């Protein structure tokens, strides 16, 4: 834990404001946590009867904003692949069903793991100017006139969703 505090103190040395106070409070907090923004990239999400789902399989990163959506989509894809479960007792059939689950989810997960360019810097600007600029940009990108441009920028990042089952069913 000492290495984590040393990293924080080195990173925030000379920042000013109430930084020293916050760092001192962190040292005495019973629930202090420091983590990283990581992604999980696995070649397979299944191995015989073991199935990984959600963040255990593909953690896209807290910065993607898609953890819950991917977890729910993965659960739906797995349920769809298994259907009524009648083939699960046959090793060969089960392997095919699990391959279908991965085939369906892999493109969406891969897209979600491609963070929007500059996403890390947007979340954690390092300077006073960066913080103010970030706040301004966050306001501007919400302007309705810019929505088509934002959709184009985010289009390959997994933020575009496929229609819900209910929407597909209602068109039949």
Protein backbone atom coordinates (compact mmCIF):
# COMPACT_ATOMS: atom_id res chain seq x y z
CA UNK A 1 0.00 0.00 0.00
CA UNK A 2 2.90 2.34 0.70
CA UNK A 3 3.92 2.20 -2.97
CA UNK A 4 0.45 3.42 -3.97
CA UNK A 5 0.64 6.37 -1.61
CA UNK A 6 4.13 7.18 -2.87
CA UNK A 7 2.81 7.17 -6.44
CA UNK A 8 -0.04 9.50 -5.50
CA UNK A 9 2.31 11.86 -3.66
CA UNK A 10 4.72 11.93 -6.58
CA UNK A 11 1.92 12.46 -9.10
CA UNK A 12 0.25 15.26 -7.16
CA UNK A 13 3.38 16.95 -5.77
CA UNK A 14 3.09 20.72 -6.08
CA UNK A 15 -0.51 20.72 -7.32
CA UNK A 16 -1.64 22.98 -4.51
CA UNK A 17 -5.14 23.68 -3.28
CA UNK A 18 -6.08 20.99 -0.66
CA UNK A 19 -4.02 18.20 -2.19
CA UNK A 20 -1.89 17.55 0.92
CA UNK A 21 -5.04 17.36 3.04
CA UNK A 22 -6.65 14.82 0.70
CA UNK A 23 -3.50 12.69 0.52
CA UNK A 24 -3.23 12.67 4.33
CA UNK A 25 -6.88 11.66 4.60
CA UNK A 26 -6.33 8.86 2.09
CA UNK A 27 -3.56 7.43 4.29
CA UNK A 28 -5.92 7.12 7.27
CA UNK A 29 -9.09 6.08 5.42
CA UNK A 30 -10.21 2.52 6.19
CA UNK A 31 -11.85 2.20 2.76
CA UNK A 32 -9.14 3.76 0.58
CA UNK A 33 -8.78 2.17 -2.85
CA UNK A 34 -6.57 2.92 -5.82
CA UNK A 35 -7.07 1.06 -9.05
CA UNK A 36 -6.15 1.23 -12.70
CA UNK A 37 -8.15 1.48 -15.90
CA UNK A 38 -7.59 -1.91 -17.46
CA UNK A 39 -9.07 -3.96 -20.25
CA UNK A 40 -9.33 -7.72 -20.45
CA UNK A 41 -8.47 -9.32 -23.80
CA UNK A 42 -8.95 -13.08 -23.84
CA UNK A 43 -8.75 -15.37 -26.86
CA UNK A 44 -11.66 -17.51 -25.55
CA UNK A 45 -14.42 -16.90 -23.04
CA UNK A 46 -15.31 -20.56 -22.63
CA UNK A 47 -13.52 -23.78 -21.80
CA UNK A 48 -15.73 -26.83 -21.76
CA UNK A 49 -18.23 -26.14 -18.97
CA UNK A 50 -16.61 -22.91 -17.73
CA UNK A 51 -18.09 -19.74 -19.20
CA UNK A 52 -16.90 -16.21 -18.56
CA UNK A 53 -19.39 -13.39 -18.95
CA UNK A 54 -19.32 -9.62 -18.54
CA UNK A 55 -16.23 -8.01 -17.04
CA UNK A 56 -14.74 -11.41 -16.20
CA UNK A 57 -14.55 -12.11 -19.93
CA UNK A 58 -13.98 -8.76 -21.60
CA UNK A 59 -13.78 -5.81 -19.22
CA UNK A 60 -13.96 -3.01 -21.76
CA UNK A 61 -12.71 -0.44 -19.22
CA UNK A 62 -14.66 1.89 -16.97
CA UNK A 63 -13.85 4.55 -19.56
CA UNK A 64 -15.93 2.82 -22.23
CA UNK A 65 -19.20 3.33 -20.39
CA UNK A 66 -20.40 -0.01 -21.70
CA UNK A 67 -19.81 -2.51 -18.88
CA UNK A 68 -23.45 -3.01 -17.93
CA UNK A 69 -24.69 -2.99 -21.52
CA UNK A 70 -22.10 -5.58 -22.55
CA UNK A 71 -22.84 -7.75 -19.52
CA UNK A 72 -26.56 -7.75 -20.31
CA UNK A 73 -25.94 -8.34 -24.02
CA UNK A 74 -23.60 -11.20 -23.16
CA UNK A 75 -26.21 -12.80 -20.89
CA UNK A 76 -28.82 -12.49 -23.65
CA UNK A 77 -26.43 -13.92 -26.27
CA UNK A 78 -25.61 -16.86 -24.00
CA UNK A 79 -29.30 -17.51 -23.29
CA UNK A 80 -30.09 -17.31 -27.02
CA UNK A 81 -27.24 -19.69 -27.87
CA UNK A 82 -28.41 -22.23 -25.26
CA UNK A 83 -32.06 -21.98 -26.27
CA UNK A 84 -34.03 -24.56 -24.34
CA UNK A 85 -30.84 -26.22 -23.09
CA UNK A 86 -31.56 -29.53 -24.76
CA UNK A 87 -28.11 -29.79 -26.34
CA UNK A 88 -26.04 -28.93 -23.30
CA UNK A 89 -25.50 -32.56 -22.29
CA UNK A 90 -23.75 -33.37 -25.58
CA UNK A 91 -20.12 -32.15 -25.53
CA UNK A 92 -20.03 -31.52 -29.29
CA UNK A 93 -23.34 -29.63 -29.36
CA UNK A 94 -22.38 -27.61 -26.26
CA UNK A 95 -19.10 -26.60 -27.93
CA UNK A 96 -21.06 -25.40 -30.98
CA UNK A 97 -23.48 -23.42 -28.80
CA UNK A 98 -20.63 -21.76 -26.93
CA UNK A 99 -18.90 -20.94 -30.22
CA UNK A 100 -22.13 -19.24 -31.33
CA UNK A 101 -22.16 -17.19 -28.12
CA UNK A 102 -18.61 -16.00 -28.76
CA UNK A 103 -19.30 -15.38 -32.46
CA UNK A 104 -22.23 -13.16 -31.58
CA UNK A 105 -20.50 -11.18 -28.83
CA UNK A 106 -16.93 -10.83 -30.13
CA UNK A 107 -17.59 -7.99 -32.65
CA UNK A 108 -19.47 -5.89 -30.10
CA UNK A 109 -16.84 -6.42 -27.40
CA UNK A 110 -13.99 -5.64 -29.80
CA UNK A 111 -15.73 -2.41 -30.82
CA UNK A 112 -16.35 -1.44 -27.19
CA UNK A 113 -12.69 -1.96 -26.32
CA UNK A 114 -11.71 0.69 -28.86
CA UNK A 115 -11.93 3.77 -26.72
CA UNK A 116 -12.97 7.01 -28.37
CA UNK A 117 -9.78 8.91 -29.31
CA UNK A 118 -8.61 11.03 -26.38
CA UNK A 119 -10.98 9.32 -23.92
CA UNK A 120 -8.37 8.87 -21.18
CA UNK A 121 -7.35 12.53 -21.35
CA UNK A 122 -11.02 13.57 -21.32
CA UNK A 123 -11.60 11.76 -18.05
CA UNK A 124 -8.38 12.79 -16.35
CA UNK A 125 -7.00 16.08 -17.65
CA UNK A 126 -3.70 16.98 -16.02
CA UNK A 127 -3.71 20.78 -16.01
CA UNK A 128 -6.02 23.59 -14.94
CA UNK A 129 -6.44 24.50 -18.61
CA UNK A 130 -7.21 20.85 -19.42
CA UNK A 131 -9.89 20.70 -16.74
CA UNK A 132 -11.57 23.88 -17.99
CA UNK A 133 -11.22 22.84 -21.62
CA UNK A 134 -12.73 19.45 -20.80
CA UNK A 135 -15.74 21.09 -19.12
CA UNK A 136 -16.25 23.33 -22.16
CA UNK A 137 -15.98 20.46 -24.64
CA UNK A 138 -18.43 18.35 -22.62
CA UNK A 139 -20.95 21.16 -22.92
CA UNK A 140 -20.34 21.72 -26.63
CA UNK A 141 -20.57 18.05 -27.70
CA UNK A 142 -24.08 17.92 -26.27
CA UNK A 143 -25.36 20.55 -28.68
CA UNK A 144 -28.04 18.95 -30.89
CA UNK A 145 -26.43 20.27 -34.06
CA UNK A 146 -23.29 18.21 -33.29
CA UNK A 147 -25.05 14.88 -32.63
CA UNK A 148 -24.44 13.51 -36.17
CA UNK A 149 -20.72 14.32 -35.86
CA UNK A 150 -20.51 12.72 -32.41
CA UNK A 151 -22.26 9.61 -33.72
CA UNK A 152 -19.66 9.38 -36.47
CA UNK A 153 -16.75 9.79 -34.02
CA UNK A 154 -18.16 7.20 -31.59
CA UNK A 155 -19.53 4.90 -34.29
CA UNK A 156 -16.74 2.32 -34.13
CA UNK A 157 -16.49 2.28 -30.33
CA UNK A 158 -19.40 0.02 -29.43
CA UNK A 159 -21.62 2.87 -28.27
CA UNK A 160 -24.10 2.28 -31.04
CA UNK A 161 -26.52 -0.40 -29.98
CA UNK A 162 -28.36 -3.06 -31.84
CA UNK A 163 -32.16 -2.96 -31.69
CA UNK A 164 -33.75 -4.58 -28.65
CA UNK A 165 -35.53 -7.90 -28.95
CA UNK A 166 -38.80 -6.11 -28.29
CA UNK A 167 -38.20 -3.68 -31.18
CA UNK A 168 -37.37 -6.55 -33.53
CA UNK A 169 -40.38 -8.59 -32.38
CA UNK A 170 -42.78 -5.66 -32.81
CA UNK A 171 -41.75 -5.30 -36.47
CA UNK A 172 -42.79 -8.89 -37.23
